[in-house]
Amino acid sequence: FTLADLADDAAAEHRLPDPAPLSDEA
């Protein structure tokens, strides 16, 4: 295992919803 893999796996399990998309102006 690697620390980077452990961090990625933990992040995938606790992933927050994606933010709302920005408008073209934003």
PDB file of all heavy atoms in Angstrom:
ATOM      1  N   PHE A   1       0.860  -1.181   0.000  1.00  0.00           N
ATOM      2  CA  PHE A   1       0.000   0.000   0.000  1.00  0.00           C
ATOM      3  C   PHE A   1       0.894   1.228   0.000  1.00  0.00           C
ATOM      4  O   PHE A   1       2.091   1.133   0.288  1.00  0.00           O
ATOM      5  CB  PHE A   1      -0.933   0.023   1.218  1.00  0.00           C
ATOM      6  CG  PHE A   1      -0.204   0.117   2.536  1.00  0.00           C
ATOM      7  CD1 PHE A   1       0.124   1.348   3.079  1.00  0.00           C
ATOM      8  CD2 PHE A   1       0.173  -1.033   3.217  1.00  0.00           C
ATOM      9  CE1 PHE A   1       0.812   1.438   4.278  1.00  0.00           C
ATOM     10  CE2 PHE A   1       0.866  -0.946   4.419  1.00  0.00           C
ATOM     11  CZ  PHE A   1       1.173   0.291   4.946  1.00  0.00           C
ATOM     12  N   THR A   2       0.339   2.360  -0.348  1.00  0.00           N
ATOM     13  CA  THR A   2       1.054   3.632  -0.276  1.00  0.00           C
ATOM     14  C   THR A   2       0.188   4.633   0.471  1.00  0.00           C
ATOM     15  O   THR A   2      -1.044   4.510   0.518  1.00  0.00           O
ATOM     16  CB  THR A   2       1.383   4.187  -1.669  1.00  0.00           C
ATOM     17  OG1 THR A   2       0.160   4.508  -2.352  1.00  0.00           O
ATOM     18  CG2 THR A   2       2.177   3.176  -2.494  1.00  0.00           C
ATOM     19  N   LEU A   3       0.833   5.644   1.047  1.00  0.00           N
ATOM     20  CA  LEU A   3       0.089   6.695   1.737  1.00  0.00           C
ATOM     21  C   LEU A   3      -0.827   7.444   0.778  1.00  0.00           C
ATOM     22  O   LEU A   3      -1.949   7.803   1.131  1.00  0.00           O
ATOM     23  CB  LEU A   3       1.062   7.664   2.405  1.00  0.00           C
ATOM     24  CG  LEU A   3       1.932   7.105   3.533  1.00  0.00           C
ATOM     25  CD1 LEU A   3       2.873   8.173   4.052  1.00  0.00           C
ATOM     26  CD2 LEU A   3       1.067   6.558   4.659  1.00  0.00           C
ATOM     27  N   ALA A   4      -0.341   7.677  -0.436  1.00  0.00           N
ATOM     28  CA  ALA A   4      -1.157   8.387  -1.418  1.00  0.00           C
ATOM     29  C   ALA A   4      -2.412   7.583  -1.764  1.00  0.00           C
ATOM     30  O   ALA A   4      -3.514   8.139  -1.870  1.00  0.00           O
ATOM     31  CB  ALA A   4      -0.343   8.659  -2.675  1.00  0.00           C
ATOM     32  N   ASP A   5      -2.264   6.272  -1.923  1.00  0.00           N
ATOM     33  CA  ASP A   5      -3.431   5.433  -2.224  1.00  0.00           C
ATOM     34  C   ASP A   5      -4.425   5.431  -1.060  1.00  0.00           C
ATOM     35  O   ASP A   5      -5.645   5.497  -1.267  1.00  0.00           O
ATOM     36  CB  ASP A   5      -2.985   4.005  -2.525  1.00  0.00           C
ATOM     37  CG  ASP A   5      -2.313   3.879  -3.880  1.00  0.00           C
ATOM     38  OD1 ASP A   5      -2.504   4.783  -4.716  1.00  0.00           O
ATOM     39  OD2 ASP A   5      -1.590   2.885  -4.095  1.00  0.00           O
ATOM     40  N   LEU A   6      -3.911   5.349   0.161  1.00  0.00           N
ATOM     41  CA  LEU A   6      -4.795   5.370   1.321  1.00  0.00           C
ATOM     42  C   LEU A   6      -5.575   6.674   1.397  1.00  0.00           C
ATOM     43  O   LEU A   6      -6.772   6.686   1.705  1.00  0.00           O
ATOM     44  CB  LEU A   6      -3.982   5.158   2.599  1.00  0.00           C
ATOM     45  CG  LEU A   6      -3.380   3.756   2.811  1.00  0.00           C
ATOM     46  CD1 LEU A   6      -2.502   3.762   4.054  1.00  0.00           C
ATOM     47  CD2 LEU A   6      -4.469   2.707   2.922  1.00  0.00           C
ATOM     48  N   ALA A   7      -4.888   7.790   1.116  1.00  0.00           N
ATOM     49  CA  ALA A   7      -5.561   9.089   1.157  1.00  0.00           C
ATOM     50  C   ALA A   7      -6.627   9.176   0.071  1.00  0.00           C
ATOM     51  O   ALA A   7      -7.735   9.682   0.306  1.00  0.00           O
ATOM     52  CB  ALA A   7      -4.533  10.206   0.998  1.00  0.00           C
ATOM     53  N   ASP A   8      -6.315   8.693  -1.129  1.00  0.00           N
ATOM     54  CA  ASP A   8      -7.279   8.729  -2.232  1.00  0.00           C
ATOM     55  C   ASP A   8      -8.492   7.848  -1.938  1.00  0.00           C
ATOM     56  O   ASP A   8      -9.638   8.217  -2.220  1.00  0.00           O
ATOM     57  CB  ASP A   8      -6.618   8.291  -3.536  1.00  0.00           C
ATOM     58  CG  ASP A   8      -5.612   9.307  -4.052  1.00  0.00           C
ATOM     59  OD1 ASP A   8      -5.685  10.473  -3.613  1.00  0.00           O
ATOM     60  OD2 ASP A   8      -4.764   8.940  -4.884  1.00  0.00           O
ATOM     61  N   ASP A   9      -8.249   6.668  -1.372  1.00  0.00           N
ATOM     62  CA  ASP A   9      -9.355   5.768  -1.056  1.00  0.00           C
ATOM     63  C   ASP A   9     -10.271   6.377   0.006  1.00  0.00           C
ATOM     64  O   ASP A   9     -11.509   6.298  -0.096  1.00  0.00           O
ATOM     65  CB  ASP A   9      -8.814   4.422  -0.559  1.00  0.00           C
ATOM     66  CG  ASP A   9      -8.131   3.624  -1.660  1.00  0.00           C
ATOM     67  OD1 ASP A   9      -8.334   3.963  -2.848  1.00  0.00           O
ATOM     68  OD2 ASP A   9      -7.373   2.691  -1.337  1.00  0.00           O
ATOM     69  N   ALA A  10      -9.661   6.982   1.024  1.00  0.00           N
ATOM     70  CA  ALA A  10     -10.465   7.599   2.074  1.00  0.00           C
ATOM     71  C   ALA A  10     -11.256   8.781   1.531  1.00  0.00           C
ATOM     72  O   ALA A  10     -12.415   9.005   1.910  1.00  0.00           O
ATOM     73  CB  ALA A  10      -9.570   8.052   3.223  1.00  0.00           C
ATOM     74  N   ALA A  11     -10.649   9.555   0.619  1.00  0.00           N
ATOM     75  CA  ALA A  11     -11.345  10.701   0.036  1.00  0.00           C
ATOM     76  C   ALA A  11     -12.525  10.249  -0.811  1.00  0.00           C
ATOM     77  O   ALA A  11     -13.583  10.881  -0.815  1.00  0.00           O
ATOM     78  CB  ALA A  11     -10.371  11.521  -0.812  1.00  0.00           C
ATOM     79  N   ALA A  12     -12.350   9.130  -1.538  1.00  0.00           N
ATOM     80  CA  ALA A  12     -13.434   8.630  -2.384  1.00  0.00           C
ATOM     81  C   ALA A  12     -14.627   8.197  -1.544  1.00  0.00           C
ATOM     82  O   ALA A  12     -15.788   8.365  -1.946  1.00  0.00           O
ATOM     83  CB  ALA A  12     -12.930   7.475  -3.241  1.00  0.00           C
ATOM     84  N   GLU A  13     -14.357   7.643  -0.355  1.00  0.00           N
ATOM     85  CA  GLU A  13     -15.439   7.179   0.503  1.00  0.00           C
ATOM     86  C   GLU A  13     -16.198   8.329   1.155  1.00  0.00           C
ATOM     87  O   GLU A  13     -17.358   8.164   1.547  1.00  0.00           O
ATOM     88  CB  GLU A  13     -14.876   6.253   1.587  1.00  0.00           C
ATOM     89  CG  GLU A  13     -14.310   4.943   1.041  1.00  0.00           C
ATOM     90  CD  GLU A  13     -13.689   4.097   2.129  1.00  0.00           C
ATOM     91  OE1 GLU A  13     -13.754   4.524   3.304  1.00  0.00           O
ATOM     92  OE2 GLU A  13     -13.145   3.019   1.818  1.00  0.00           O
ATOM     93  N   HIS A  14     -15.549   9.487   1.314  1.00  0.00           N
ATOM     94  CA  HIS A  14     -16.166  10.627   1.997  1.00  0.00           C
ATOM     95  C   HIS A  14     -16.253  11.835   1.059  1.00  0.00           C
ATOM     96  O   HIS A  14     -16.122  12.978   1.493  1.00  0.00           O
ATOM     97  CB  HIS A  14     -15.370  10.997   3.251  1.00  0.00           C
ATOM     98  CG  HIS A  14     -15.349   9.924   4.283  1.00  0.00           C
ATOM     99  ND1 HIS A  14     -14.522   8.816   4.191  1.00  0.00           N
ATOM    100  CD2 HIS A  14     -16.057   9.764   5.438  1.00  0.00           C
ATOM    101  CE1 HIS A  14     -14.704   8.046   5.257  1.00  0.00           C
ATOM    102  NE2 HIS A  14     -15.626   8.585   6.011  1.00  0.00           N
ATOM    103  N   ARG A  15     -16.473  11.590  -0.198  1.00  0.00           N
ATOM    104  CA  ARG A  15     -16.487  12.655  -1.183  1.00  0.00           C
ATOM    105  C   ARG A  15     -17.716  13.530  -1.025  1.00  0.00           C
ATOM    106  O   ARG A  15     -18.843  13.028  -0.929  1.00  0.00           O
ATOM    107  CB  ARG A  15     -16.440  12.073  -2.593  1.00  0.00           C
ATOM    108  CG  ARG A  15     -16.394  13.125  -3.688  1.00  0.00           C
ATOM    109  CD  ARG A  15     -16.286  12.479  -5.056  1.00  0.00           C
ATOM    110  NE  ARG A  15     -16.266  13.475  -6.110  1.00  0.00           N
ATOM    111  CZ  ARG A  15     -16.192  13.187  -7.405  1.00  0.00           C
ATOM    112  NH1 ARG A  15     -16.130  11.908  -7.789  1.00  0.00           N
ATOM    113  NH2 ARG A  15     -16.192  14.147  -8.302  1.00  0.00           N
ATOM    114  N   LEU A  16     -17.512  14.836  -1.002  1.00  0.00           N
ATOM    115  CA  LEU A  16     -18.615  15.786  -0.945  1.00  0.00           C
ATOM    116  C   LEU A  16     -19.221  15.955  -2.332  1.00  0.00           C
ATOM    117  O   LEU A  16     -18.571  15.696  -3.343  1.00  0.00           O
ATOM    118  CB  LEU A  16     -18.114  17.145  -0.434  1.00  0.00           C
ATOM    119  CG  LEU A  16     -17.589  17.174   0.999  1.00  0.00           C
ATOM    120  CD1 LEU A  16     -17.077  18.573   1.326  1.00  0.00           C
ATOM    121  CD2 LEU A  16     -18.668  16.760   1.985  1.00  0.00           C
ATOM    122  N   PRO A  17     -20.464  16.382  -2.400  1.00  0.00           N
ATOM    123  CA  PRO A  17     -21.077  16.624  -3.717  1.00  0.00           C
ATOM    124  C   PRO A  17     -20.285  17.656  -4.511  1.00  0.00           C
ATOM    125  O   PRO A  17     -19.687  18.582  -3.947  1.00  0.00           O
ATOM    126  CB  PRO A  17     -22.475  17.154  -3.356  1.00  0.00           C
ATOM    127  CG  PRO A  17     -22.723  16.666  -1.960  1.00  0.00           C
ATOM    128  CD  PRO A  17     -21.393  16.630  -1.289  1.00  0.00           C
ATOM    129  N   ASP A  18     -20.250  17.481  -5.815  1.00  0.00           N
ATOM    130  CA  ASP A  18     -19.552  18.436  -6.664  1.00  0.00           C
ATOM    131  C   ASP A  18     -20.219  19.811  -6.573  1.00  0.00           C
ATOM    132  O   ASP A  18     -21.449  19.909  -6.447  1.00  0.00           O
ATOM    133  CB  ASP A  18     -19.568  17.970  -8.124  1.00  0.00           C
ATOM    134  CG  ASP A  18     -18.730  16.719  -8.338  1.00  0.00           C
ATOM    135  OD1 ASP A  18     -17.791  16.511  -7.558  1.00  0.00           O
ATOM    136  OD2 ASP A  18     -19.038  15.949  -9.281  1.00  0.00           O
ATOM    137  N   PRO A  19     -19.415  20.888  -6.620  1.00  0.00           N
ATOM    138  CA  PRO A  19     -20.013  22.231  -6.569  1.00  0.00           C
ATOM    139  C   PRO A  19     -20.825  22.517  -7.818  1.00  0.00           C
ATOM    140  O   PRO A  19     -20.633  21.897  -8.864  1.00  0.00           O
ATOM    141  CB  PRO A  19     -18.786  23.150  -6.476  1.00  0.00           C
ATOM    142  CG  PRO A  19     -17.674  22.355  -7.077  1.00  0.00           C
ATOM    143  CD  PRO A  19     -17.953  20.916  -6.733  1.00  0.00           C
ATOM    144  N   ALA A  20     -21.716  23.474  -7.690  1.00  0.00           N
ATOM    145  CA  ALA A  20     -22.542  23.858  -8.841  1.00  0.00           C
ATOM    146  C   ALA A  20     -21.648  24.441  -9.936  1.00  0.00           C
ATOM    147  O   ALA A  20     -20.681  25.159  -9.634  1.00  0.00           O
ATOM    148  CB  ALA A  20     -23.582  24.885  -8.412  1.00  0.00           C
ATOM    149  N   PRO A  21     -21.927  24.139 -11.200  1.00  0.00           N
ATOM    150  CA  PRO A  21     -21.094  24.668 -12.291  1.00  0.00           C
ATOM    151  C   PRO A  21     -21.190  26.185 -12.392  1.00  0.00           C
ATOM    152  O   PRO A  21     -22.227  26.784 -12.085  1.00  0.00           O
ATOM    153  CB  PRO A  21     -21.676  23.989 -13.540  1.00  0.00           C
ATOM    154  CG  PRO A  21     -23.075  23.608 -13.156  1.00  0.00           C
ATOM    155  CD  PRO A  21     -23.033  23.295 -11.699  1.00  0.00           C
ATOM    156  N   LEU A  22     -20.089  26.803 -12.805  1.00  0.00           N
ATOM    157  CA  LEU A  22     -20.051  28.260 -12.959  1.00  0.00           C
ATOM    158  C   LEU A  22     -20.629  28.661 -14.305  1.00  0.00           C
ATOM    159  O   LEU A  22     -20.537  27.930 -15.292  1.00  0.00           O
ATOM    160  CB  LEU A  22     -18.605  28.752 -12.861  1.00  0.00           C
ATOM    161  CG  LEU A  22     -17.886  28.537 -11.528  1.00  0.00           C
ATOM    162  CD1 LEU A  22     -16.425  28.960 -11.661  1.00  0.00           C
ATOM    163  CD2 LEU A  22     -18.556  29.310 -10.414  1.00  0.00           C
ATOM    164  N   SER A  23     -21.219  29.840 -14.333  1.00  0.00           N
ATOM    165  CA  SER A  23     -21.692  30.395 -15.593  1.00  0.00           C
ATOM    166  C   SER A  23     -20.494  30.849 -16.426  1.00  0.00           C
ATOM    167  O   SER A  23     -19.374  30.988 -15.911  1.00  0.00           O
ATOM    168  CB  SER A  23     -22.621  31.575 -15.340  1.00  0.00           C
ATOM    169  OG  SER A  23     -21.897  32.647 -14.728  1.00  0.00           O
ATOM    170  N   ASP A  24     -20.711  31.096 -17.703  1.00  0.00           N
ATOM    171  CA  ASP A  24     -19.632  31.586 -18.567  1.00  0.00           C
ATOM    172  C   ASP A  24     -19.082  32.912 -18.059  1.00  0.00           C
ATOM    173  O   ASP A  24     -17.872  33.155 -18.099  1.00  0.00           O
ATOM    174  CB  ASP A  24     -20.134  31.735 -20.008  1.00  0.00           C
ATOM    175  CG  ASP A  24     -20.403  30.385 -20.660  1.00  0.00           C
ATOM    176  OD1 ASP A  24     -19.888  29.369 -20.164  1.00  0.00           O
ATOM    177  OD2 ASP A  24     -21.142  30.362 -21.662  1.00  0.00           O
ATOM    178  N   GLU A  25     -19.974  33.755 -17.573  1.00  0.00           N
ATOM    179  CA  GLU A  25     -19.536  35.059 -17.040  1.00  0.00           C
ATOM    180  C   GLU A  25     -18.672  34.876 -15.799  1.00  0.00           C
ATOM    181  O   GLU A  25     -17.639  35.543 -15.637  1.00  0.00           O
ATOM    182  CB  GLU A  25     -20.751  35.918 -16.711  1.00  0.00           C
ATOM    183  CG  GLU A  25     -20.395  37.300 -16.170  1.00  0.00           C
ATOM    184  CD  GLU A  25     -21.625  38.129 -15.850  1.00  0.00           C
ATOM    185  OE1 GLU A  25     -22.752  37.630 -16.067  1.00  0.00           O
ATOM    186  OE2 GLU A  25     -21.454  39.276 -15.393  1.00  0.00           O
ATOM    187  N   ALA A  26     -19.093  33.944 -14.939  1.00  0.00           N
ATOM    188  CA  ALA A  26     -18.314  33.691 -13.723  1.00  0.00           C
ATOM    189  C   ALA A  26     -16.957  33.087 -14.067  1.00  0.00           C
ATOM    190  O   ALA A  26     -15.948  33.410 -13.429  1.00  0.00           O
ATOM    191  CB  ALA A  26     -19.088  32.771 -12.789  1.00  0.00           C
TER     192      ALA A  26
END
